[in-house]
């Protein structure tokens, strides 16, 4: 596929020089550079648990209901617990 890209002259000169040192065409050098940039890196790769994010969103209402029950239980004071013997 053909594409026109505007890059600063100093970067183009470096890319052209590096391509020449490697004995490849500039377009191959640029394609390889883009492929390298698209590869996942250790800090950039998606965490395994991330693929499951959002799959439990249907439990949100249930979680809210349970949290309200818990809050209600903790708001009640048990007189026996606070009695001094």
Protein backbone atom coordinates (compact mmCIF):
# COMPACT_ATOMS: atom_id res chain seq x y z
CA UNK A 1 0.00 0.00 0.00
CA UNK A 2 1.25 3.45 -0.82
CA UNK A 3 1.12 6.29 1.66
CA UNK A 4 2.59 9.76 1.94
CA UNK A 5 4.09 10.64 5.30
CA UNK A 6 5.67 13.90 6.34
CA UNK A 7 8.59 13.48 8.74
CA UNK A 8 11.26 15.96 9.83
CA UNK A 9 14.36 16.10 7.61
CA UNK A 10 16.76 15.11 10.40
CA UNK A 11 14.74 11.92 11.12
CA UNK A 12 14.56 11.07 7.42
CA UNK A 13 18.32 11.48 7.05
CA UNK A 14 18.92 9.19 10.04
CA UNK A 15 16.47 6.61 8.68
CA UNK A 16 18.07 6.75 5.22
CA UNK A 17 21.55 6.40 6.72
CA UNK A 18 20.53 3.46 8.93
CA UNK A 19 18.81 1.75 6.00
CA UNK A 20 21.96 2.16 3.89
CA UNK A 21 24.13 0.71 6.67
CA UNK A 22 21.82 -2.32 6.81
CA UNK A 23 21.75 -2.60 3.01
CA UNK A 24 17.97 -2.20 2.76
CA UNK A 25 15.64 0.30 1.15
CA UNK A 26 14.22 3.16 3.22
CA UNK A 27 10.68 1.84 2.71
CA UNK A 28 11.71 -1.54 4.17
CA UNK A 29 13.44 0.22 7.06
CA UNK A 30 10.28 2.26 7.78
CA UNK A 31 8.02 -0.82 7.49
CA UNK A 32 10.23 -2.73 9.96
CA UNK A 33 10.29 0.24 12.33
CA UNK A 34 6.48 0.41 12.28
CA UNK A 35 6.20 -3.36 12.83
CA UNK A 36 8.57 -3.08 15.79
CA UNK A 37 6.56 -0.22 17.25
CA UNK A 38 3.34 -2.25 16.96
CA UNK A 39 4.76 -5.28 18.79
CA UNK A 40 3.59 -5.55 22.40
CA UNK A 41 6.29 -4.71 24.91
CA UNK A 42 6.50 -6.04 28.49
CA UNK A 43 5.23 -2.77 29.94
CA UNK A 44 2.71 -2.24 27.17
CA UNK A 45 1.13 -5.66 26.80
CA UNK A 46 -2.38 -6.15 28.06
CA UNK A 47 -2.62 -7.89 31.40
CA UNK A 48 -4.26 -11.35 31.16
CA UNK A 49 -7.03 -10.32 33.54
CA UNK A 50 -7.86 -7.27 31.40
CA UNK A 51 -9.55 -9.40 28.74
CA UNK A 52 -12.26 -10.19 31.28
CA UNK A 53 -12.94 -6.57 32.23
CA UNK A 54 -16.59 -5.69 31.84
CA UNK A 55 -17.81 -9.27 31.68
CA UNK A 56 -19.20 -9.04 35.21
CA UNK A 57 -20.97 -5.71 34.69
CA UNK A 58 -24.34 -7.45 35.10
CA UNK A 59 -23.45 -8.13 38.74
CA UNK A 60 -23.29 -4.38 39.48
CA UNK A 61 -26.89 -4.18 40.73
CA UNK A 62 -26.40 -7.22 42.93
CA UNK A 63 -23.25 -5.73 44.39
CA UNK A 64 -25.07 -2.48 45.17
CA UNK A 65 -27.85 -4.41 46.90
CA UNK A 66 -25.36 -6.39 49.01
CA UNK A 67 -23.45 -3.23 49.94
CA UNK A 68 -26.68 -1.59 51.16
CA UNK A 69 -27.47 -4.64 53.30
CA UNK A 70 -23.97 -4.54 54.80
CA UNK A 71 -24.19 -0.79 55.48
CA UNK A 72 -27.57 -1.28 57.14
CA UNK A 73 -26.20 -4.04 59.35
CA UNK A 74 -23.26 -1.92 60.49
CA UNK A 75 -25.47 1.07 61.24
CA UNK A 76 -27.44 -0.92 63.81
CA UNK A 77 -26.03 -0.95 67.31
CA UNK A 78 -26.24 -4.19 69.23
CA UNK A 79 -26.97 -3.13 72.85
CA UNK A 80 -25.72 -6.44 74.27
CA UNK A 81 -22.35 -5.84 72.72
CA UNK A 82 -21.94 -2.51 74.53
CA UNK A 83 -23.25 -3.57 77.94
CA UNK A 84 -20.73 -3.51 80.73
CA UNK A 85 -20.99 -6.63 82.93
